[in-house]
Amino acid sequence: WWTIHPLGYGLAMHMDLFWAAFLLSAVAKSGLLKYGGLKAYRQALPFCMGLVIGDFVMGAFWNFLSIALNRALYQIYY
């Protein structure tokens, strides 16, 4: 019954920072589905999820290291 998704509002607030990542992922997904089909798309999902999880893990690592050293080392986004 609610036509506007709440996550869309949150993403729209930071679209000026992440528009290139969203565009690149949409182009990659459509190209993969068009030329490789559903099988290639499903085979690529673990790799893509690994990229996302690895980004969060490394961001957390740098955050904990900056707390331990009491120094600003890494900033995930503005």
PDB file of N, CA and C in Angstrom:
ATOM      1  N   TRP A   1       0.805  -1.184   0.000  1.00  0.00           N
ATOM      2  CA  TRP A   1       0.000   0.000   0.000  1.00  0.00           C
ATOM      3  C   TRP A   1       0.852   1.254   0.000  1.00  0.00           C
ATOM      4  N   TRP A   2       2.130   1.166   0.400  1.00  0.00           N
ATOM      5  CA  TRP A   2       3.021   2.317   0.450  1.00  0.00           C
ATOM      6  C   TRP A   2       3.907   2.278  -0.779  1.00  0.00           C
ATOM      7  N   THR A   3       3.764   3.258  -1.651  1.00  0.00           N
ATOM      8  CA  THR A   3       4.469   3.230  -2.935  1.00  0.00           C
ATOM      9  C   THR A   3       5.919   3.686  -2.843  1.00  0.00           C
ATOM     10  N   ILE A   4       6.293   4.413  -1.805  1.00  0.00           N
ATOM     11  CA  ILE A   4       7.660   4.907  -1.680  1.00  0.00           C
ATOM     12  C   ILE A   4       8.393   4.050  -0.658  1.00  0.00           C
ATOM     13  N   HIS A   5       9.508   3.447  -1.081  1.00  0.00           N
ATOM     14  CA  HIS A   5      10.268   2.590  -0.184  1.00  0.00           C
ATOM     15  C   HIS A   5      11.135   3.456   0.732  1.00  0.00           C
ATOM     16  N   PRO A   6      11.183   3.160   2.039  1.00  0.00           N
ATOM     17  CA  PRO A   6      11.956   4.003   2.961  1.00  0.00           C
ATOM     18  C   PRO A   6      13.463   3.987   2.681  1.00  0.00           C
ATOM     19  N   LEU A   7      13.991   2.887   2.144  1.00  0.00           N
ATOM     20  CA  LEU A   7      15.416   2.868   1.820  1.00  0.00           C
ATOM     21  C   LEU A   7      15.740   3.796   0.652  1.00  0.00           C
ATOM     22  N   GLY A   8      14.781   3.988  -0.237  1.00  0.00           N
ATOM     23  CA  GLY A   8      14.991   4.917  -1.348  1.00  0.00           C
ATOM     24  C   GLY A   8      15.208   6.337  -0.856  1.00  0.00           C
ATOM     25  N   TYR A   9      14.518   6.728   0.182  1.00  0.00           N
ATOM     26  CA  TYR A   9      14.694   8.056   0.759  1.00  0.00           C
ATOM     27  C   TYR A   9      16.094   8.205   1.353  1.00  0.00           C
ATOM     28  N   GLY A  10      16.547   7.186   2.058  1.00  0.00           N
ATOM     29  CA  GLY A  10      17.888   7.238   2.642  1.00  0.00           C
ATOM     30  C   GLY A  10      18.980   7.282   1.593  1.00  0.00           C
ATOM     31  N   LEU A  11      18.800   6.523   0.520  1.00  0.00           N
ATOM     32  CA  LEU A  11      19.794   6.537  -0.550  1.00  0.00           C
ATOM     33  C   LEU A  11      19.772   7.851  -1.319  1.00  0.00           C
ATOM     34  N   ALA A  12      18.606   8.427  -1.492  1.00  0.00           N
ATOM     35  CA  ALA A  12      18.495   9.677  -2.237  1.00  0.00           C
ATOM     36  C   ALA A  12      19.185  10.824  -1.503  1.00  0.00           C
ATOM     37  N   MET A  13      19.274  10.747  -0.192  1.00  0.00           N
ATOM     38  CA  MET A  13      19.936  11.809   0.564  1.00  0.00           C
ATOM     39  C   MET A  13      21.431  11.864   0.265  1.00  0.00           C
ATOM     40  N   HIS A  14      22.044  10.735  -0.092  1.00  0.00           N
ATOM     41  CA  HIS A  14      23.476  10.680  -0.358  1.00  0.00           C
ATOM     42  C   HIS A  14      23.772  10.340  -1.811  1.00  0.00           C
ATOM     43  N   MET A  15      22.859  10.611  -2.706  1.00  0.00           N
ATOM     44  CA  MET A  15      23.053  10.252  -4.106  1.00  0.00           C
ATOM     45  C   MET A  15      24.218  11.010  -4.730  1.00  0.00           C
ATOM     46  N   ASP A  16      24.522  12.202  -4.251  1.00  0.00           N
ATOM     47  CA  ASP A  16      25.636  12.957  -4.800  1.00  0.00           C
ATOM     48  C   ASP A  16      26.978  12.277  -4.523  1.00  0.00           C
ATOM     49  N   LEU A  17      27.044  11.408  -3.512  1.00  0.00           N
ATOM     50  CA  LEU A  17      28.285  10.705  -3.203  1.00  0.00           C
ATOM     51  C   LEU A  17      28.394   9.350  -3.907  1.00  0.00           C
ATOM     52  N   PHE A  18      27.269   8.684  -4.106  1.00  0.00           N
ATOM     53  CA  PHE A  18      27.293   7.299  -4.566  1.00  0.00           C
ATOM     54  C   PHE A  18      26.725   7.080  -5.968  1.00  0.00           C
ATOM     55  N   TRP A  19      26.481   8.125  -6.740  1.00  0.00           N
ATOM     56  CA  TRP A  19      25.826   7.945  -8.032  1.00  0.00           C
ATOM     57  C   TRP A  19      26.677   7.114  -8.979  1.00  0.00           C
ATOM     58  N   ALA A  20      27.991   7.263  -8.945  1.00  0.00           N
ATOM     59  CA  ALA A  20      28.852   6.514  -9.860  1.00  0.00           C
ATOM     60  C   ALA A  20      28.836   5.022  -9.531  1.00  0.00           C
ATOM     61  N   ALA A  21      28.825   4.675  -8.247  1.00  0.00           N
ATOM     62  CA  ALA A  21      28.781   3.268  -7.859  1.00  0.00           C
ATOM     63  C   ALA A  21      27.462   2.629  -8.273  1.00  0.00           C
ATOM     64  N   PHE A  22      26.347   3.363  -8.092  1.00  0.00           N
ATOM     65  CA  PHE A  22      25.045   2.831  -8.496  1.00  0.00           C
ATOM     66  C   PHE A  22      24.963   2.669 -10.014  1.00  0.00           C
ATOM     67  N   LEU A  23      25.503   3.628 -10.759  1.00  0.00           N
ATOM     68  CA  LEU A  23      25.484   3.544 -12.220  1.00  0.00           C
ATOM     69  C   LEU A  23      26.334   2.374 -12.699  1.00  0.00           C
ATOM     70  N   LEU A  24      27.523   2.237 -12.149  1.00  0.00           N
ATOM     71  CA  LEU A  24      28.409   1.148 -12.541  1.00  0.00           C
ATOM     72  C   LEU A  24      27.800  -0.217 -12.224  1.00  0.00           C
ATOM     73  N   SER A  25      27.189  -0.348 -11.052  1.00  0.00           N
ATOM     74  CA  SER A  25      26.581  -1.635 -10.709  1.00  0.00           C
ATOM     75  C   SER A  25      25.375  -1.945 -11.587  1.00  0.00           C
ATOM     76  N   ALA A  26      24.588  -0.945 -11.958  1.00  0.00           N
ATOM     77  CA  ALA A  26      23.438  -1.172 -12.832  1.00  0.00           C
ATOM     78  C   ALA A  26      23.887  -1.578 -14.229  1.00  0.00           C
ATOM     79  N   VAL A  27      24.933  -0.933 -14.737  1.00  0.00           N
ATOM     80  CA  VAL A  27      25.449  -1.279 -16.070  1.00  0.00           C
ATOM     81  C   VAL A  27      26.050  -2.682 -16.058  1.00  0.00           C
ATOM     82  N   ALA A  28      26.804  -3.011 -15.004  1.00  0.00           N
ATOM     83  CA  ALA A  28      27.401  -4.343 -14.912  1.00  0.00           C
ATOM     84  C   ALA A  28      26.332  -5.425 -14.802  1.00  0.00           C
ATOM     85  N   LYS A  29      25.304  -5.172 -14.001  1.00  0.00           N
ATOM     86  CA  LYS A  29      24.240  -6.164 -13.839  1.00  0.00           C
ATOM     87  C   LYS A  29      23.478  -6.366 -15.139  1.00  0.00           C
ATOM     88  N   SER A  30      23.126  -5.288 -15.816  1.00  0.00           N
ATOM     89  CA  SER A  30      22.370  -5.442 -17.062  1.00  0.00           C
ATOM     90  C   SER A  30      23.210  -6.101 -18.150  1.00  0.00           C
ATOM     91  N   GLY A  31      24.490  -5.766 -18.207  1.00  0.00           N
ATOM     92  CA  GLY A  31      25.363  -6.417 -19.188  1.00  0.00           C
ATOM     93  C   GLY A  31      25.554  -7.893 -18.900  1.00  0.00           C
ATOM     94  N   LEU A  32      25.702  -8.217 -17.631  1.00  0.00           N
ATOM     95  CA  LEU A  32      25.869  -9.618 -17.247  1.00  0.00           C
ATOM     96  C   LEU A  32      24.616 -10.423 -17.562  1.00  0.00           C
ATOM     97  N   LEU A  33      23.455  -9.862 -17.284  1.00  0.00           N
ATOM     98  CA  LEU A  33      22.207 -10.573 -17.577  1.00  0.00           C
ATOM     99  C   LEU A  33      21.958 -10.677 -19.083  1.00  0.00           C
ATOM    100  N   LYS A  34      22.318  -9.642 -19.822  1.00  0.00           N
ATOM    101  CA  LYS A  34      22.059  -9.653 -21.263  1.00  0.00           C
ATOM    102  C   LYS A  34      22.979 -10.622 -21.993  1.00  0.00           C
ATOM    103  N   TYR A  35      24.265 -10.615 -21.655  1.00  0.00           N
ATOM    104  CA  TYR A  35      25.225 -11.422 -22.401  1.00  0.00           C
ATOM    105  C   TYR A  35      25.541 -12.765 -21.759  1.00  0.00           C
ATOM    106  N   GLY A  36      25.369 -12.882 -20.447  1.00  0.00           N
ATOM    107  CA  GLY A  36      25.698 -14.131 -19.779  1.00  0.00           C
ATOM    108  C   GLY A  36      24.491 -14.920 -19.318  1.00  0.00           C
ATOM    109  N   GLY A  37      23.368 -14.238 -19.181  1.00  0.00           N
ATOM    110  CA  GLY A  37      22.164 -14.905 -18.731  1.00  0.00           C
ATOM    111  C   GLY A  37      22.099 -15.040 -17.221  1.00  0.00           C
ATOM    112  N   LEU A  38      21.063 -15.703 -16.782  1.00  0.00           N
ATOM    113  CA  LEU A  38      20.812 -15.859 -15.347  1.00  0.00           C
ATOM    114  C   LEU A  38      21.891 -16.717 -14.679  1.00  0.00           C
ATOM    115  N   LYS A  39      22.428 -17.696 -15.407  1.00  0.00           N
ATOM    116  CA  LYS A  39      23.458 -18.559 -14.829  1.00  0.00           C
ATOM    117  C   LYS A  39      24.721 -17.761 -14.510  1.00  0.00           C
ATOM    118  N   ALA A  40      25.158 -16.916 -15.419  1.00  0.00           N
ATOM    119  CA  ALA A  40      26.348 -16.089 -15.179  1.00  0.00           C
ATOM    120  C   ALA A  40      26.098 -15.089 -14.058  1.00  0.00           C
ATOM    121  N   TYR A  41      24.877 -14.559 -13.998  1.00  0.00           N
ATOM    122  CA  TYR A  41      24.530 -13.613 -12.935  1.00  0.00           C
ATOM    123  C   TYR A  41      24.619 -14.285 -11.570  1.00  0.00           C
ATOM    124  N   ARG A  42      24.088 -15.488 -11.458  1.00  0.00           N
ATOM    125  CA  ARG A  42      24.123 -16.210 -10.178  1.00  0.00           C
ATOM    126  C   ARG A  42      25.541 -16.638  -9.806  1.00  0.00           C
ATOM    127  N   GLN A  43      26.380 -16.908 -10.803  1.00  0.00           N
ATOM    128  CA  GLN A  43      27.767 -17.259 -10.513  1.00  0.00           C
ATOM    129  C   GLN A  43      28.569 -16.042 -10.066  1.00  0.00           C
ATOM    130  N   ALA A  44      28.183 -14.847 -10.501  1.00  0.00           N
ATOM    131  CA  ALA A  44      28.899 -13.627 -10.137  1.00  0.00           C
ATOM    132  C   ALA A  44      28.468 -13.075  -8.786  1.00  0.00           C
ATOM    133  N   LEU A  45      27.330 -13.500  -8.254  1.00  0.00           N
ATOM    134  CA  LEU A  45      26.833 -12.977  -6.985  1.00  0.00           C
ATOM    135  C   LEU A  45      27.794 -13.170  -5.810  1.00  0.00           C
ATOM    136  N   PRO A  46      28.408 -14.353  -5.622  1.00  0.00           N
ATOM    137  CA  PRO A  46      29.344 -14.481  -4.492  1.00  0.00           C
ATOM    138  C   PRO A  46      30.537 -13.523  -4.591  1.00  0.00           C
ATOM    139  N   PHE A  47      31.041 -13.292  -5.781  1.00  0.00           N
ATOM    140  CA  PHE A  47      32.143 -12.354  -5.967  1.00  0.00           C
ATOM    141  C   PHE A  47      31.727 -10.946  -5.579  1.00  0.00           C
ATOM    142  N   CYS A  48      30.552 -10.527  -6.024  1.00  0.00           N
ATOM    143  CA  CYS A  48      30.064  -9.178  -5.711  1.00  0.00           C
ATOM    144  C   CYS A  48      29.783  -9.021  -4.226  1.00  0.00           C
ATOM    145  N   MET A  49      29.220 -10.025  -3.604  1.00  0.00           N
ATOM    146  CA  MET A  49      28.978  -9.965  -2.166  1.00  0.00           C
ATOM    147  C   MET A  49      30.298  -9.922  -1.403  1.00  0.00           C
ATOM    148  N   GLY A  50      31.295 -10.628  -1.900  1.00  0.00           N
ATOM    149  CA  GLY A  50      32.623 -10.584  -1.287  1.00  0.00           C
ATOM    150  C   GLY A  50      33.241  -9.200  -1.356  1.00  0.00           C
ATOM    151  N   LEU A  51      33.018  -8.486  -2.461  1.00  0.00           N
ATOM    152  CA  LEU A  51      33.516  -7.117  -2.566  1.00  0.00           C
ATOM    153  C   LEU A  51      32.865  -6.208  -1.528  1.00  0.00           C
ATOM    154  N   VAL A  52      31.564  -6.347  -1.357  1.00  0.00           N
ATOM    155  CA  VAL A  52      30.849  -5.509  -0.395  1.00  0.00           C
ATOM    156  C   VAL A  52      31.281  -5.835   1.033  1.00  0.00           C
ATOM    157  N   ILE A  53      31.338  -7.115   1.367  1.00  0.00           N
ATOM    158  CA  ILE A  53      31.732  -7.522   2.714  1.00  0.00           C
ATOM    159  C   ILE A  53      33.184  -7.133   2.992  1.00  0.00           C
ATOM    160  N   GLY A  54      34.052  -7.297   2.007  1.00  0.00           N
ATOM    161  CA  GLY A  54      35.450  -6.911   2.178  1.00  0.00           C
ATOM    162  C   GLY A  54      35.613  -5.424   2.417  1.00  0.00           C
ATOM    163  N   ASP A  55      34.798  -4.608   1.754  1.00  0.00           N
ATOM    164  CA  ASP A  55      34.855  -3.164   1.967  1.00  0.00           C
ATOM    165  C   ASP A  55      34.480  -2.821   3.404  1.00  0.00           C
ATOM    166  N   PHE A  56      33.434  -3.437   3.922  1.00  0.00           N
ATOM    167  CA  PHE A  56      33.019  -3.169   5.300  1.00  0.00           C
ATOM    168  C   PHE A  56      34.041  -3.694   6.305  1.00  0.00           C
ATOM    169  N   VAL A  57      34.618  -4.852   6.049  1.00  0.00           N
ATOM    170  CA  VAL A  57      35.600  -5.414   6.971  1.00  0.00           C
ATOM    171  C   VAL A  57      36.844  -4.541   7.023  1.00  0.00           C
ATOM    172  N   MET A  58      37.329  -4.094   5.864  1.00  0.00           N
ATOM    173  CA  MET A  58      38.516  -3.238   5.855  1.00  0.00           C
ATOM    174  C   MET A  58      38.221  -1.874   6.470  1.00  0.00           C
ATOM    175  N   GLY A  59      37.015  -1.338   6.246  1.00  0.00           N
ATOM    176  CA  GLY A  59      36.640  -0.080   6.888  1.00  0.00           C
ATOM    177  C   GLY A  59      36.623  -0.213   8.397  1.00  0.00           C
ATOM    178  N   ALA A  60      36.109  -1.341   8.897  1.00  0.00           N
ATOM    179  CA  ALA A  60      36.098  -1.575  10.344  1.00  0.00           C
ATOM    180  C   ALA A  60      37.517  -1.748  10.879  1.00  0.00           C
ATOM    181  N   PHE A  61      38.365  -2.433  10.122  1.00  0.00           N
ATOM    182  CA  PHE A  61      39.757  -2.618  10.541  1.00  0.00           C
ATOM    183  C   PHE A  61      40.464  -1.274  10.687  1.00  0.00           C
ATOM    184  N   TRP A  62      40.339  -0.403   9.674  1.00  0.00           N
ATOM    185  CA  TRP A  62      40.989   0.898   9.746  1.00  0.00           C
ATOM    186  C   TRP A  62      40.394   1.753  10.862  1.00  0.00           C
ATOM    187  N   ASN A  63      39.105   1.600  11.115  1.00  0.00           N
ATOM    188  CA  ASN A  63      38.471   2.338  12.195  1.00  0.00           C
ATOM    189  C   ASN A  63      39.027   1.894  13.554  1.00  0.00           C
ATOM    190  N   PHE A  64      39.121   0.600  13.782  1.00  0.00           N
ATOM    191  CA  PHE A  64      39.671   0.097  15.041  1.00  0.00           C
ATOM    192  C   PHE A  64      41.144   0.479  15.194  1.00  0.00           C
ATOM    193  N   LEU A  65      41.889   0.446  14.093  1.00  0.00           N
ATOM    194  CA  LEU A  65      43.296   0.830  14.159  1.00  0.00           C
ATOM    195  C   LEU A  65      43.444   2.323  14.481  1.00  0.00           C
ATOM    196  N   SER A  66      42.575   3.152  13.924  1.00  0.00           N
ATOM    197  CA  SER A  66      42.648   4.584  14.232  1.00  0.00           C
ATOM    198  C   SER A  66      42.278   4.861  15.684  1.00  0.00           C
ATOM    199  N   ILE A  67      41.369   4.069  16.254  1.00  0.00           N
ATOM    200  CA  ILE A  67      41.037   4.213  17.672  1.00  0.00           C
ATOM    201  C   ILE A  67      42.225   3.782  18.529  1.00  0.00           C
ATOM    202  N   ALA A  68      42.870   2.677  18.154  1.00  0.00           N
ATOM    203  CA  ALA A  68      44.004   2.180  18.929  1.00  0.00           C
ATOM    204  C   ALA A  68      45.187   3.148  18.881  1.00  0.00           C
ATOM    205  N   LEU A  69      45.410   3.781  17.732  1.00  0.00           N
ATOM    206  CA  LEU A  69      46.535   4.698  17.591  1.00  0.00           C
ATOM    207  C   LEU A  69      46.170   6.140  17.938  1.00  0.00           C
ATOM    208  N   ASN A  70      44.888   6.388  18.186  1.00  0.00           N
ATOM    209  CA  ASN A  70      44.389   7.729  18.495  1.00  0.00           C
ATOM    210  C   ASN A  70      44.751   8.718  17.393  1.00  0.00           C
ATOM    211  N   ARG A  71      44.527   8.292  16.156  1.00  0.00           N
ATOM    212  CA  ARG A  71      44.871   9.070  14.974  1.00  0.00           C
ATOM    213  C   ARG A  71      43.845   8.811  13.887  1.00  0.00           C
ATOM    214  N   ALA A  72      43.510   9.818  13.103  1.00  0.00           N
ATOM    215  CA  ALA A  72      42.579   9.625  11.985  1.00  0.00           C
ATOM    216  C   ALA A  72      43.336   8.980  10.824  1.00  0.00           C
ATOM    217  N   LEU A  73      42.926   7.772  10.443  1.00  0.00           N
ATOM    218  CA  LEU A  73      43.609   7.057   9.375  1.00  0.00           C
ATOM    219  C   LEU A  73      42.756   6.892   8.126  1.00  0.00           C
ATOM    220  N   TYR A  74      41.480   6.656   8.288  1.00  0.00           N
ATOM    221  CA  TYR A  74      40.620   6.307   7.167  1.00  0.00           C
ATOM    222  C   TYR A  74      39.221   6.819   7.427  1.00  0.00           C
ATOM    223  N   GLN A  75      38.596   7.356   6.380  1.00  0.00           N
ATOM    224  CA  GLN A  75      37.238   7.829   6.496  1.00  0.00           C
ATOM    225  C   GLN A  75      36.407   7.128   5.428  1.00  0.00           C
ATOM    226  N   ILE A  76      35.344   6.432   5.828  1.00  0.00           N
ATOM    227  CA  ILE A  76      34.566   5.647   4.888  1.00  0.00           C
ATOM    228  C   ILE A  76      33.864   6.548   3.884  1.00  0.00           C
ATOM    229  N   TYR A  77      33.116   7.526   4.339  1.00  0.00           N
ATOM    230  CA  TYR A  77      32.525   8.548   3.477  1.00  0.00           C
ATOM    231  C   TYR A  77      32.298   9.795   4.315  1.00  0.00           C
ATOM    232  N   TYR A  78      31.948  10.861   3.656  1.00  0.00           N
ATOM    233  CA  TYR A  78      31.866  12.177   4.296  1.00  0.00           C
ATOM    234  C   TYR A  78      30.834  12.239   5.371  1.00  0.00           C
TER     235      TYR A  78
END
